[in-house]
Amino acid sequence: QLLCSVNCNAHTLYANDRSSLAPVGIAVYLQGSAFNHSCVPSAEFCNVGTSLTVRALRRVQRGEEITVSYVPTTMNLKERRRCLEGQYKFVCACARCVAEGVS
């Protein structure tokens, strides 16, 4: 059960220098684990050392849920669904996935 929790809730830590996007480890943050997924996220996670911060990607309306993407937003629909089903065990039905599934 612990390994499943880590697999679904871990956040990748990156080196502090902006020249490298190489991961250096993972961490589980209780508050970070409470964010839901969207393929059109309103925020993203960033880390400074071992601290997790949330940065808005656009203006968030009062009462709007703040979401993050669990997968790279550059993936196509098939890739996103494969990753989300494989690691997080759900099929995304956000507005982007619905629109791309129709076309």
N, C-alpha and C. Protein backbone atom coordinates (compact mmCIF):
# COMPACT_ATOMS: atom_id res chain seq x y z
N GLN A 1 0.82 -1.18 0.00
CA GLN A 1 0.00 0.00 0.00
C GLN A 1 0.88 1.26 0.00
N LEU A 2 1.97 1.22 0.74
CA LEU A 2 2.88 2.37 0.79
C LEU A 2 3.47 2.64 -0.60
N LEU A 3 3.89 1.59 -1.29
CA LEU A 3 4.47 1.77 -2.62
C LEU A 3 3.45 2.34 -3.60
N CYS A 4 2.20 1.91 -3.51
CA CYS A 4 1.14 2.46 -4.36
C CYS A 4 0.94 3.95 -4.07
N SER A 5 0.97 4.32 -2.81
CA SER A 5 0.81 5.72 -2.43
C SER A 5 1.95 6.57 -2.97
N VAL A 6 3.16 6.07 -2.89
CA VAL A 6 4.31 6.80 -3.42
C VAL A 6 4.20 6.90 -4.94
N ASN A 7 3.83 5.82 -5.59
CA ASN A 7 3.72 5.82 -7.05
C ASN A 7 2.71 6.85 -7.55
N CYS A 8 1.62 7.02 -6.84
CA CYS A 8 0.57 7.94 -7.29
C CYS A 8 0.74 9.36 -6.76
N ASN A 9 1.55 9.57 -5.75
CA ASN A 9 1.63 10.89 -5.12
C ASN A 9 3.02 11.51 -5.08
N ALA A 10 4.01 10.84 -5.61
CA ALA A 10 5.37 11.37 -5.55
C ALA A 10 5.56 12.51 -6.56
N HIS A 11 6.37 13.45 -6.17
CA HIS A 11 6.73 14.59 -7.02
C HIS A 11 8.22 14.47 -7.32
N THR A 12 8.59 14.69 -8.56
CA THR A 12 9.99 14.62 -8.95
C THR A 12 10.70 15.88 -8.52
N LEU A 13 11.87 15.72 -7.93
CA LEU A 13 12.71 16.85 -7.54
C LEU A 13 13.78 17.05 -8.60
N TYR A 14 14.03 18.31 -8.92
CA TYR A 14 15.03 18.66 -9.93
C TYR A 14 16.15 19.46 -9.28
N ALA A 15 17.33 19.42 -9.92
CA ALA A 15 18.47 20.18 -9.42
C ALA A 15 18.12 21.67 -9.38
N ASN A 16 18.72 22.39 -8.46
CA ASN A 16 18.42 23.81 -8.30
C ASN A 16 18.87 24.67 -9.48
N ASP A 17 19.89 24.25 -10.20
CA ASP A 17 20.32 25.08 -11.32
C ASP A 17 19.38 24.91 -12.51
N ARG A 18 19.00 25.99 -13.11
CA ARG A 18 18.03 25.99 -14.21
C ARG A 18 18.61 25.40 -15.49
N SER A 19 19.92 25.17 -15.54
CA SER A 19 20.54 24.64 -16.75
C SER A 19 20.26 23.15 -16.94
N SER A 20 19.78 22.49 -15.90
CA SER A 20 19.54 21.06 -15.98
C SER A 20 18.13 20.72 -15.55
N LEU A 21 17.45 19.90 -16.34
CA LEU A 21 16.14 19.41 -15.95
C LEU A 21 16.21 17.96 -15.52
N ALA A 22 17.40 17.52 -15.18
CA ALA A 22 17.59 16.14 -14.77
C ALA A 22 17.02 15.94 -13.36
N PRO A 23 16.17 14.93 -13.19
CA PRO A 23 15.63 14.66 -11.85
C PRO A 23 16.72 14.18 -10.90
N VAL A 24 16.60 14.59 -9.63
CA VAL A 24 17.58 14.18 -8.63
C VAL A 24 16.94 13.34 -7.52
N GLY A 25 15.62 13.18 -7.56
CA GLY A 25 14.96 12.38 -6.53
C GLY A 25 13.46 12.57 -6.58
N ILE A 26 12.78 11.98 -5.61
CA ILE A 26 11.33 12.14 -5.49
C ILE A 26 10.99 12.44 -4.04
N ALA A 27 9.82 13.03 -3.85
CA ALA A 27 9.33 13.31 -2.51
C ALA A 27 7.82 13.26 -2.54
N VAL A 28 7.22 12.98 -1.40
CA VAL A 28 5.76 12.98 -1.28
C VAL A 28 5.39 14.15 -0.35
N TYR A 29 4.52 15.01 -0.85
CA TYR A 29 4.04 16.17 -0.10
C TYR A 29 2.55 16.00 0.13
N LEU A 30 2.12 16.05 1.37
CA LEU A 30 0.71 15.86 1.70
C LEU A 30 -0.17 16.86 0.95
N GLN A 31 0.14 18.13 1.02
CA GLN A 31 -0.69 19.14 0.35
C GLN A 31 -0.59 19.03 -1.17
N GLY A 32 0.57 18.71 -1.69
CA GLY A 32 0.73 18.55 -3.14
C GLY A 32 -0.07 17.38 -3.68
N SER A 33 -0.32 16.41 -2.84
CA SER A 33 -1.08 15.23 -3.26
C SER A 33 -2.57 15.50 -3.37
N ALA A 34 -3.02 16.65 -2.91
CA ALA A 34 -4.45 16.96 -2.93
C ALA A 34 -4.92 17.61 -4.23
N PHE A 35 -4.00 17.94 -5.14
CA PHE A 35 -4.38 18.59 -6.39
C PHE A 35 -4.88 17.57 -7.40
N ASN A 36 -5.98 17.90 -8.06
CA ASN A 36 -6.51 17.05 -9.11
C ASN A 36 -5.86 17.37 -10.44
N HIS A 37 -6.03 16.44 -11.37
CA HIS A 37 -5.43 16.53 -12.70
C HIS A 37 -6.33 17.22 -13.72
N SER A 38 -5.71 17.91 -14.65
CA SER A 38 -6.36 18.39 -15.87
C SER A 38 -5.29 18.45 -16.95
N CYS A 39 -5.67 18.14 -18.17
CA CYS A 39 -4.74 18.27 -19.30
C CYS A 39 -4.63 19.72 -19.76
N VAL A 40 -5.43 20.60 -19.15
CA VAL A 40 -5.33 22.05 -19.33
C VAL A 40 -5.22 22.63 -17.92
N PRO A 41 -4.06 22.45 -17.30
CA PRO A 41 -3.92 22.82 -15.89
C PRO A 41 -3.91 24.32 -15.68
N SER A 42 -4.30 24.73 -14.47
CA SER A 42 -4.23 26.14 -14.11
C SER A 42 -2.96 26.45 -13.33
N ALA A 43 -2.23 25.41 -12.94
CA ALA A 43 -1.02 25.61 -12.14
C ALA A 43 -0.02 24.49 -12.42
N GLU A 44 1.18 24.69 -11.92
CA GLU A 44 2.22 23.67 -12.02
C GLU A 44 3.02 23.64 -10.74
N PHE A 45 3.64 22.51 -10.48
CA PHE A 45 4.50 22.36 -9.31
C PHE A 45 5.92 22.77 -9.68
N CYS A 46 6.60 23.38 -8.76
CA CYS A 46 8.01 23.71 -8.88
C CYS A 46 8.66 23.38 -7.55
N ASN A 47 9.91 23.03 -7.58
CA ASN A 47 10.59 22.81 -6.31
C ASN A 47 11.81 23.70 -6.22
N VAL A 48 12.04 24.18 -5.01
CA VAL A 48 13.24 24.92 -4.68
C VAL A 48 13.87 24.14 -3.55
N GLY A 49 14.95 23.45 -3.86
CA GLY A 49 15.53 22.53 -2.88
C GLY A 49 14.54 21.41 -2.65
N THR A 50 14.13 21.24 -1.41
CA THR A 50 13.15 20.19 -1.10
C THR A 50 11.77 20.76 -0.82
N SER A 51 11.56 22.05 -1.07
CA SER A 51 10.24 22.67 -0.87
C SER A 51 9.44 22.63 -2.17
N LEU A 52 8.17 22.29 -2.06
CA LEU A 52 7.28 22.26 -3.22
C LEU A 52 6.47 23.55 -3.24
N THR A 53 6.44 24.19 -4.40
CA THR A 53 5.62 25.39 -4.56
C THR A 53 4.67 25.16 -5.73
N VAL A 54 3.59 25.91 -5.72
CA VAL A 54 2.60 25.84 -6.79
C VAL A 54 2.58 27.20 -7.47
N ARG A 55 2.70 27.20 -8.80
CA ARG A 55 2.72 28.44 -9.56
C ARG A 55 1.57 28.45 -10.55
N ALA A 56 0.79 29.52 -10.54
CA ALA A 56 -0.32 29.65 -11.48
C ALA A 56 0.22 29.81 -12.90
N LEU A 57 -0.43 29.13 -13.85
CA LEU A 57 -0.06 29.24 -15.26
C LEU A 57 -0.91 30.28 -15.98
N ARG A 58 -2.01 30.64 -15.35
CA ARG A 58 -2.94 31.64 -15.90
C ARG A 58 -3.75 32.21 -14.75
N ARG A 59 -4.54 33.20 -15.05
CA ARG A 59 -5.40 33.79 -14.01
C ARG A 59 -6.44 32.76 -13.59
N VAL A 60 -6.58 32.55 -12.29
CA VAL A 60 -7.53 31.59 -11.74
C VAL A 60 -8.70 32.37 -11.16
N GLN A 61 -9.90 32.01 -11.59
CA GLN A 61 -11.11 32.69 -11.13
C GLN A 61 -11.46 32.27 -9.71
N ARG A 62 -12.09 33.17 -8.97
CA ARG A 62 -12.54 32.87 -7.62
C ARG A 62 -13.47 31.64 -7.67
N GLY A 63 -13.21 30.67 -6.82
CA GLY A 63 -14.03 29.47 -6.75
C GLY A 63 -13.62 28.37 -7.73
N GLU A 64 -12.73 28.68 -8.67
CA GLU A 64 -12.28 27.68 -9.66
C GLU A 64 -11.29 26.72 -9.00
N GLU A 65 -11.43 25.46 -9.32
CA GLU A 65 -10.48 24.47 -8.81
C GLU A 65 -9.11 24.69 -9.43
N ILE A 66 -8.08 24.64 -8.62
CA ILE A 66 -6.71 24.73 -9.13
C ILE A 66 -6.26 23.32 -9.45
N THR A 67 -5.87 23.10 -10.70
CA THR A 67 -5.47 21.77 -11.16
C THR A 67 -4.05 21.80 -11.70
N VAL A 68 -3.43 20.64 -11.72
CA VAL A 68 -2.10 20.45 -12.31
C VAL A 68 -2.19 19.28 -13.28
N SER A 69 -1.24 19.20 -14.18
CA SER A 69 -1.22 18.05 -15.07
C SER A 69 -0.28 17.00 -14.50
N TYR A 70 -0.74 15.78 -14.44
CA TYR A 70 0.09 14.68 -13.95
C TYR A 70 1.04 14.16 -15.02
N VAL A 71 0.82 14.56 -16.25
CA VAL A 71 1.64 14.11 -17.38
C VAL A 71 2.05 15.33 -18.20
N PRO A 72 3.09 15.22 -19.04
CA PRO A 72 3.46 16.35 -19.87
C PRO A 72 2.30 16.78 -20.79
N THR A 73 2.00 18.06 -20.82
CA THR A 73 0.89 18.55 -21.62
C THR A 73 1.19 18.51 -23.12
N THR A 74 2.43 18.23 -23.48
CA THR A 74 2.80 18.12 -24.89
C THR A 74 2.41 16.76 -25.49
N MET A 75 2.03 15.82 -24.66
CA MET A 75 1.63 14.50 -25.16
C MET A 75 0.30 14.60 -25.91
N ASN A 76 0.11 13.69 -26.86
CA ASN A 76 -1.19 13.64 -27.54
C ASN A 76 -2.17 12.85 -26.67
N LEU A 77 -3.42 12.82 -27.09
CA LEU A 77 -4.49 12.18 -26.32
C LEU A 77 -4.17 10.72 -25.98
N LYS A 78 -3.73 9.97 -26.96
CA LYS A 78 -3.44 8.55 -26.74
C LYS A 78 -2.33 8.37 -25.71
N GLU A 79 -1.28 9.17 -25.82
CA GLU A 79 -0.16 9.07 -24.87
C GLU A 79 -0.59 9.47 -23.46
N ARG A 80 -1.35 10.57 -23.35
CA ARG A 80 -1.81 11.00 -22.03
C ARG A 80 -2.68 9.94 -21.39
N ARG A 81 -3.62 9.39 -22.15
CA ARG A 81 -4.51 8.37 -21.58
C ARG A 81 -3.75 7.13 -21.15
N ARG A 82 -2.78 6.72 -21.96
CA ARG A 82 -1.98 5.53 -21.61
C ARG A 82 -1.23 5.78 -20.29
N CYS A 83 -0.62 6.93 -20.15
CA CYS A 83 0.14 7.24 -18.93
C CYS A 83 -0.78 7.36 -17.72
N LEU A 84 -1.89 8.07 -17.88
CA LEU A 84 -2.80 8.27 -16.75
C LEU A 84 -3.44 6.96 -16.30
N GLU A 85 -3.85 6.13 -17.25
CA GLU A 85 -4.43 4.84 -16.89
C GLU A 85 -3.38 3.93 -16.26
N GLY A 86 -2.17 3.94 -16.82
CA GLY A 86 -1.12 3.06 -16.32
C GLY A 86 -0.66 3.40 -14.92
N GLN A 87 -0.42 4.68 -14.65
CA GLN A 87 0.12 5.06 -13.35
C GLN A 87 -0.95 5.47 -12.35
N TYR A 88 -1.99 6.16 -12.81
CA TYR A 88 -2.96 6.73 -11.87
C TYR A 88 -4.31 6.02 -11.88
N LYS A 89 -4.49 5.10 -12.81
CA LYS A 89 -5.68 4.23 -12.86
C LYS A 89 -6.99 4.98 -13.10
N PHE A 90 -6.96 6.03 -13.96
CA PHE A 90 -8.20 6.68 -14.36
C PHE A 90 -8.12 7.14 -15.81
N VAL A 91 -9.27 7.31 -16.41
CA VAL A 91 -9.37 7.84 -17.77
C VAL A 91 -9.77 9.31 -17.64
N CYS A 92 -8.95 10.18 -18.15
CA CYS A 92 -9.22 11.61 -18.04
C CYS A 92 -10.40 12.00 -18.94
N ALA A 93 -11.28 12.81 -18.37
CA ALA A 93 -12.43 13.30 -19.12
C ALA A 93 -12.49 14.84 -19.03
N CYS A 94 -11.31 15.48 -18.97
CA CYS A 94 -11.27 16.94 -18.92
C CYS A 94 -11.71 17.48 -20.28
N ALA A 95 -11.92 18.78 -20.34
CA ALA A 95 -12.41 19.42 -21.57
C ALA A 95 -11.50 19.16 -22.77
N ARG A 96 -10.20 19.17 -22.56
CA ARG A 96 -9.25 18.92 -23.66
C ARG A 96 -9.39 17.49 -24.18
N CYS A 97 -9.44 16.52 -23.29
CA CYS A 97 -9.55 15.12 -23.72
C CYS A 97 -10.87 14.88 -24.45
N VAL A 98 -11.95 15.46 -23.96
CA VAL A 98 -13.24 15.30 -24.62
C VAL A 98 -13.19 15.91 -26.00
N ALA A 99 -12.64 17.13 -26.13
CA ALA A 99 -12.57 17.79 -27.43
C ALA A 99 -11.67 17.03 -28.40
N GLU A 100 -10.53 16.54 -27.94
CA GLU A 100 -9.63 15.80 -28.82
C GLU A 100 -10.18 14.44 -29.18
N GLY A 101 -10.98 13.85 -28.31
CA GLY A 101 -11.57 12.54 -28.59
C GLY A 101 -12.65 12.60 -29.63
N VAL A 102 -13.29 13.76 -29.78
CA VAL A 102 -14.37 13.94 -30.75
C VAL A 102 -13.82 14.17 -32.13
N SER A 103 -12.68 14.90 -32.23
CA SER A 103 -12.14 15.26 -33.55
C SER A 103 -11.42 14.13 -34.23
